Structure formats: structure tokens, C-alpha cells
Amino acid sequence: MSVSSNDTDDSEISADSWELERIAKKHKIRETMWCTDFVEMASPHPFTAMYITSHCRCNGDRAALIRGPTWLHIWKAVESYYKKVGCDHRFIEGFEQKGGYVEVSLGS
């Protein structure tokens, strides 16, 4: 699912960054970006929850629907969530499923 930055050289890390930028542009994802190891967007995510939320101070009672089984669907849900809450943290740092929600950790 991911590639550790410790296992790659700089050219591989750079290629991963370019790939994420290409995917973001193609899917009109403009507000959020991954800061974790590269994730294969076409791979299935492991979550059973239907909604993205966050423990960020910006959250309130908002959530966004996860509309499919892949990491790209997770990213799109995070993007939608981010736009709803108007948060100043835009970098995706990780996830944890808590009941019926996937909680995203956003950083700046």
C-alpha cells in the first residue's frame, strides 16, 4: 500500500510527488495534499466506515461521504471535508477508523 521514504532514493520520492500532483490535477483536488509515504490511489483502502471527519479544532460536526473503495475516494472525501470546514491544515498525515467514521489527521 505504501512505500517508505527510507526504502527509496530521492528520484523515487520525487517521482511519487509528481504522480500525486498529476492525480490531483486530473481529479480537481486543489486544497489538500499527502505528506505521508506514497499511496497507490487505485488500491483499495482498508476502512469500512462511510464518512471522513477529523479531530482538528476546525471540525465542528461536519463529515464528508466516502464514495468508493480506493485511496483516491478517500482523498476526494478529505478534499470535500476540507472545503466544508475551512480548515487551515491541508496536509494529510494519517487516518484512523473510529466507529462509523474515518478520522483524518490534517497538519500544516
C-alpha atoms as a PDB file:
ATOM      1  CA  MET A   1       0.000   0.000   0.000  1.00  0.00           C
ATOM      2  CA  SER A   2       2.785   2.458   0.737  1.00  0.00           C
ATOM      3  CA  VAL A   3       6.451   2.923   0.074  1.00  0.00           C
ATOM      4  CA  SER A   4       8.633   4.011   2.959  1.00  0.00           C
ATOM      5  CA  SER A   5      10.799   7.016   2.198  1.00  0.00           C
ATOM      6  CA  ASN A   6      13.634   5.141   3.920  1.00  0.00           C
ATOM      7  CA  ASP A   7      13.449   2.491   1.174  1.00  0.00           C
ATOM      8  CA  THR A   8      13.660   4.865  -1.785  1.00  0.00           C
ATOM      9  CA  ASP A   9      16.182   7.227  -3.272  1.00  0.00           C
ATOM     10  CA  ASP A  10      15.456  10.914  -3.955  1.00  0.00           C
ATOM     11  CA  SER A  11      14.445  10.293  -7.579  1.00  0.00           C
ATOM     12  CA  GLU A  12      11.750   7.805  -6.487  1.00  0.00           C
ATOM     13  CA  ILE A  13      10.395  10.219  -3.873  1.00  0.00           C
ATOM     14  CA  SER A  14      10.302  12.988  -6.478  1.00  0.00           C
ATOM     15  CA  ALA A  15       8.524  10.716  -8.979  1.00  0.00           C
ATOM     16  CA  ASP A  16       5.909   9.912  -6.332  1.00  0.00           C
ATOM     17  CA  SER A  17       5.345  13.623  -5.707  1.00  0.00           C
ATOM     18  CA  TRP A  18       4.886  14.261  -9.420  1.00  0.00           C
ATOM     19  CA  GLU A  19       2.404  11.397  -9.641  1.00  0.00           C
ATOM     20  CA  LEU A  20       0.347  12.801  -6.770  1.00  0.00           C
ATOM     21  CA  GLU A  21       0.349  16.239  -8.406  1.00  0.00           C
ATOM     22  CA  ARG A  22      -0.802  14.698 -11.696  1.00  0.00           C
ATOM     23  CA  ILE A  23      -3.619  12.809  -9.947  1.00  0.00           C
ATOM     24  CA  ALA A  24      -4.678  15.911  -8.011  1.00  0.00           C
ATOM     25  CA  LYS A  25      -4.841  17.994 -11.184  1.00  0.00           C
ATOM     26  CA  LYS A  26      -6.763  15.317 -13.094  1.00  0.00           C
ATOM     27  CA  HIS A  27      -9.379  14.997 -10.309  1.00  0.00           C
ATOM     28  CA  LYS A  28      -9.540  18.731  -9.487  1.00  0.00           C
ATOM     29  CA  ILE A  29      -8.139  18.231  -6.000  1.00  0.00           C
ATOM     30  CA  ARG A  30      -6.725  21.674  -5.217  1.00  0.00           C
ATOM     31  CA  GLU A  31      -6.796  22.137  -1.456  1.00  0.00           C
ATOM     32  CA  THR A  32      -5.269  19.039   0.161  1.00  0.00           C
ATOM     33  CA  MET A  33      -2.005  17.142  -0.303  1.00  0.00           C
ATOM     34  CA  TRP A  34      -0.444  13.992   1.123  1.00  0.00           C
ATOM     35  CA  CYS A  35       2.573  14.361   3.402  1.00  0.00           C
ATOM     36  CA  THR A  36       2.817  10.647   4.176  1.00  0.00           C
ATOM     37  CA  ASP A  37       4.546   7.956   2.146  1.00  0.00           C
ATOM     38  CA  PHE A  38       3.266   7.490  -1.384  1.00  0.00           C
ATOM     39  CA  VAL A  39      -0.108   5.778  -1.588  1.00  0.00           C
ATOM     40  CA  GLU A  40      -1.282   3.906  -4.676  1.00  0.00           C
ATOM     41  CA  MET A  41      -4.525   5.770  -5.406  1.00  0.00           C
ATOM     42  CA  ALA A  42      -6.090   2.829  -7.278  1.00  0.00           C
ATOM     43  CA  SER A  43      -5.519   0.450  -4.345  1.00  0.00           C
ATOM     44  CA  PRO A  44      -8.408  -0.348  -2.018  1.00  0.00           C
ATOM     45  CA  HIS A  45      -8.426   1.417   1.332  1.00  0.00           C
ATOM     46  CA  PRO A  46      -8.939  -0.766   4.453  1.00  0.00           C
ATOM     47  CA  PHE A  47     -11.805   1.207   6.031  1.00  0.00           C
ATOM     48  CA  THR A  48     -15.411   0.090   6.471  1.00  0.00           C
ATOM     49  CA  ALA A  49     -16.711   3.493   7.589  1.00  0.00           C
ATOM     50  CA  MET A  50     -18.728   5.647   5.199  1.00  0.00           C
ATOM     51  CA  TYR A  51     -17.627   9.121   6.331  1.00  0.00           C
ATOM     52  CA  ILE A  52     -14.462  11.211   6.782  1.00  0.00           C
ATOM     53  CA  THR A  53     -14.113  13.522   9.764  1.00  0.00           C
ATOM     54  CA  SER A  54     -11.203  14.971  11.746  1.00  0.00           C
ATOM     55  CA  HIS A  55     -10.174  15.674  15.309  1.00  0.00           C
ATOM     56  CA  CYS A  56      -8.944  19.095  14.176  1.00  0.00           C
ATOM     57  CA  ARG A  57     -10.209  22.150  16.069  1.00  0.00           C
ATOM     58  CA  CYS A  58     -11.911  23.238  12.819  1.00  0.00           C
ATOM     59  CA  ASN A  59     -14.189  20.184  12.640  1.00  0.00           C
ATOM     60  CA  GLY A  60     -17.438  21.119  14.366  1.00  0.00           C
ATOM     61  CA  ASP A  61     -19.973  18.404  13.495  1.00  0.00           C
ATOM     62  CA  ARG A  62     -19.038  18.058   9.845  1.00  0.00           C
ATOM     63  CA  ALA A  63     -18.227  14.971   7.809  1.00  0.00           C
ATOM     64  CA  ALA A  64     -17.877  14.021   4.138  1.00  0.00           C
ATOM     65  CA  LEU A  65     -19.099  10.888   2.386  1.00  0.00           C
ATOM     66  CA  ILE A  66     -16.537   8.339   1.157  1.00  0.00           C
ATOM     67  CA  ARG A  67     -17.915   7.467  -2.284  1.00  0.00           C
ATOM     68  CA  GLY A  68     -15.859   4.388  -3.173  1.00  0.00           C
ATOM     69  CA  PRO A  69     -13.350   1.695  -2.214  1.00  0.00           C
ATOM     70  CA  THR A  70      -9.987   3.224  -3.244  1.00  0.00           C
ATOM     71  CA  TRP A  71      -7.480   5.607  -1.704  1.00  0.00           C
ATOM     72  CA  LEU A  72      -8.460   8.115  -4.395  1.00  0.00           C
ATOM     73  CA  HIS A  73     -12.006   8.051  -2.969  1.00  0.00           C
ATOM     74  CA  ILE A  74     -10.545   8.713   0.479  1.00  0.00           C
ATOM     75  CA  TRP A  75      -8.566  11.680  -0.893  1.00  0.00           C
ATOM     76  CA  LYS A  76     -11.664  13.080  -2.610  1.00  0.00           C
ATOM     77  CA  ALA A  77     -13.623  12.746   0.665  1.00  0.00           C
ATOM     78  CA  VAL A  78     -10.846  14.556   2.554  1.00  0.00           C
ATOM     79  CA  GLU A  79     -10.910  17.311  -0.088  1.00  0.00           C
ATOM     80  CA  SER A  80     -14.682  17.652   0.283  1.00  0.00           C
ATOM     81  CA  TYR A  81     -14.410  17.659   4.070  1.00  0.00           C
ATOM     82  CA  TYR A  82     -11.638  20.274   3.969  1.00  0.00           C
ATOM     83  CA  LYS A  83     -13.772  22.594   1.850  1.00  0.00           C
ATOM     84  CA  LYS A  84     -16.714  22.219   4.273  1.00  0.00           C
ATOM     85  CA  VAL A  85     -14.740  23.074   7.408  1.00  0.00           C
ATOM     86  CA  GLY A  86     -12.461  25.782   6.024  1.00  0.00           C
ATOM     87  CA  CYS A  87      -9.527  24.398   7.989  1.00  0.00           C
ATOM     88  CA  ASP A  88      -6.025  25.870   7.778  1.00  0.00           C
ATOM     89  CA  HIS A  89      -4.429  22.397   7.960  1.00  0.00           C
ATOM     90  CA  ARG A  90      -4.180  20.980   4.439  1.00  0.00           C
ATOM     91  CA  PHE A  91      -1.649  18.139   4.613  1.00  0.00           C
ATOM     92  CA  ILE A  92      -2.954  14.571   5.034  1.00  0.00           C
ATOM     93  CA  GLU A  93      -0.857  12.913   7.736  1.00  0.00           C
ATOM     94  CA  GLY A  94      -2.799   9.739   8.514  1.00  0.00           C
ATOM     95  CA  PHE A  95      -6.112   8.022   9.235  1.00  0.00           C
ATOM     96  CA  GLU A  96      -7.834   6.062  11.990  1.00  0.00           C
ATOM     97  CA  GLN A  97     -11.238   4.424  11.879  1.00  0.00           C
ATOM     98  CA  LYS A  98     -13.394   5.319  14.869  1.00  0.00           C
ATOM     99  CA  GLY A  99     -16.801   3.695  14.731  1.00  0.00           C
ATOM    100  CA  GLY A 100     -18.675   4.802  11.610  1.00  0.00           C
ATOM    101  CA  TYR A 101     -16.075   7.451  10.738  1.00  0.00           C
ATOM    102  CA  VAL A 102     -12.575   7.566   9.316  1.00  0.00           C
ATOM    103  CA  GLU A 103     -10.748  10.291  11.210  1.00  0.00           C
ATOM    104  CA  VAL A 104      -8.135  12.056   9.107  1.00  0.00           C
ATOM    105  CA  SER A 105      -5.165  13.761  10.734  1.00  0.00           C
ATOM    106  CA  LEU A 106      -4.539  17.056   8.966  1.00  0.00           C
ATOM    107  CA  GLY A 107      -1.437  19.168   9.521  1.00  0.00           C
ATOM    108  CA  SER A 108       0.058  22.381   8.257  1.00  0.00           C
END
